[in-house]
Protein backbone atom coordinates (compact mmCIF):
# COMPACT_ATOMS: atom_id res chain seq x y z
CA UNK A 1 200.60 108.28 161.31
CA UNK A 2 198.21 107.38 158.56
CA UNK A 3 197.84 110.82 157.01
CA UNK A 4 199.51 111.20 153.62
CA UNK A 5 201.95 114.11 153.58
CA UNK A 6 200.93 117.22 151.65
CA UNK A 7 203.22 119.95 150.34
CA UNK A 8 201.96 123.50 149.87
CA UNK A 9 203.60 126.79 149.00
CA UNK A 10 203.28 129.40 151.74
CA UNK A 11 204.14 132.58 149.80
CA UNK A 12 203.62 134.77 152.87
CA UNK A 13 206.49 133.01 154.68
CA UNK A 14 208.49 132.29 151.47
CA UNK A 15 208.60 128.57 152.03
CA UNK A 16 207.15 125.26 150.99
CA UNK A 17 205.62 123.34 153.88
CA UNK A 18 205.05 119.64 154.33
CA UNK A 19 202.31 118.53 156.67
CA UNK A 20 201.03 115.22 157.91
CA UNK A 21 197.40 115.82 158.66
CA UNK A 22 197.26 119.29 160.19
CA UNK A 23 200.75 119.11 161.69
CA UNK A 24 203.66 121.02 160.14
CA UNK A 25 206.43 118.46 159.68
CA UNK A 26 209.00 120.51 157.77
CA UNK A 27 209.68 123.29 155.29
CA UNK A 28 211.97 124.45 152.49
CA UNK A 29 212.69 128.18 152.56
CA UNK A 30 213.26 130.16 149.40
CA UNK A 31 213.81 133.71 148.17
CA UNK A 32 212.59 135.02 144.85
CA UNK A 33 214.91 137.29 142.93
CA UNK A 34 214.12 138.47 139.40
CA UNK A 35 213.76 135.27 137.36
CA UNK A 36 215.23 132.98 140.03
CA UNK A 37 214.07 131.04 143.05
CA UNK A 38 216.88 130.60 145.57
CA UNK A 39 216.39 127.65 147.91
CA UNK A 40 218.16 128.57 151.14
CA UNK A 41 217.23 126.08 153.88
CA UNK A 42 215.32 122.83 154.32
CA UNK A 43 214.31 121.38 157.65
CA UNK A 44 212.24 118.45 158.91
CA UNK A 45 211.07 118.47 162.52
CA UNK A 46 212.98 115.83 164.54
CA UNK A 47 209.68 114.14 165.43
CA UNK A 48 209.19 113.37 161.72
CA UNK A 49 212.73 112.44 160.71
CA UNK A 50 213.25 108.99 159.26
CA UNK A 51 209.80 108.97 157.65
CA UNK A 52 210.99 109.89 154.16
CA UNK A 53 209.42 113.35 154.21
CA UNK A 54 212.47 115.35 153.10
CA UNK A 55 212.61 113.91 149.56
CA UNK A 56 208.84 114.33 149.19
CA UNK A 57 209.14 117.96 150.27
CA UNK A 58 212.10 118.62 147.96
CA UNK A 59 210.57 116.91 144.95
CA UNK A 60 207.21 118.63 145.17
CA UNK A 61 208.69 122.04 146.04
CA UNK A 62 211.11 121.88 143.12
CA UNK A 63 208.43 120.72 140.69
CA UNK A 64 206.21 123.62 141.73
CA UNK A 65 209.11 126.08 141.45
CA UNK A 66 209.91 124.82 137.93
CA UNK A 67 206.27 125.42 136.96
CA UNK A 68 206.79 129.13 137.65
CA UNK A 69 209.31 129.24 134.81
CA UNK A 70 212.04 130.58 137.08
CA UNK A 71 215.59 129.29 137.38
CA UNK A 72 216.38 127.21 140.48
CA UNK A 73 219.39 128.22 142.57
CA UNK A 74 220.19 125.61 145.25
CA UNK A 75 222.02 127.28 148.14
CA UNK A 76 220.53 124.71 150.53
CA UNK A 77 222.82 121.64 150.69
CA UNK A 78 219.88 119.23 150.84
CA UNK A 79 218.18 120.75 147.79
CA UNK A 80 221.51 120.73 145.91
CA UNK A 81 222.02 117.01 146.68
CA UNK A 82 218.46 116.26 145.66
CA UNK A 83 218.95 118.02 142.32
CA UNK A 84 222.19 116.14 141.67
CA UNK A 85 220.53 112.78 142.35
CA UNK A 86 217.08 113.36 140.81
CA UNK A 87 215.93 114.78 137.53
CA UNK A 88 213.27 117.46 137.73
CA UNK A 89 211.68 117.73 134.32
CA UNK A 90 212.00 121.18 132.79
CA UNK A 91 214.30 122.48 135.53
CA UNK A 92 216.75 125.19 134.68
CA UNK A 93 219.41 125.27 137.39
CA UNK A 94 222.05 127.85 138.15
CA UNK A 95 224.60 126.34 140.49
CA UNK A 96 225.83 129.01 142.91
CA UNK A 97 229.51 129.76 143.27
CA UNK A 98 230.04 129.34 146.99
CA UNK A 99 233.07 130.88 148.72
CA UNK A 100 235.83 128.66 150.00
CA UNK A 101 235.61 127.57 153.62
CA UNK A 102 236.82 130.61 155.64
CA UNK A 103 238.09 128.29 158.38
CA UNK A 104 240.47 126.69 155.87
CA UNK A 105 238.87 123.24 156.19
CA UNK A 106 238.73 122.88 152.41
CA UNK A 107 242.52 122.74 152.06
CA UNK A 108 244.27 119.41 151.70
């Protein structure tokens, strides 16, 4: 595929979408609450995995979210990892307090 990926915000569906050409390759879902943007799920279509699209999607989505002036809340594990490994200039992050594993898998 020679088309450069593009990331756009689809406010109607509350997600950022990454496309190669006209084809939807993945998305990062979010919810807006007061002065926060909660990132809840990120997914890349299996046909596009291994092409490096997930970090492009995360980086551009987070940069756009920061531009809104809202606090980022990474409930999505991929977005959380991305934020821990990459600096997003101007980002204010509120790390969510997640419950312990109800299955007890978090115990030693």
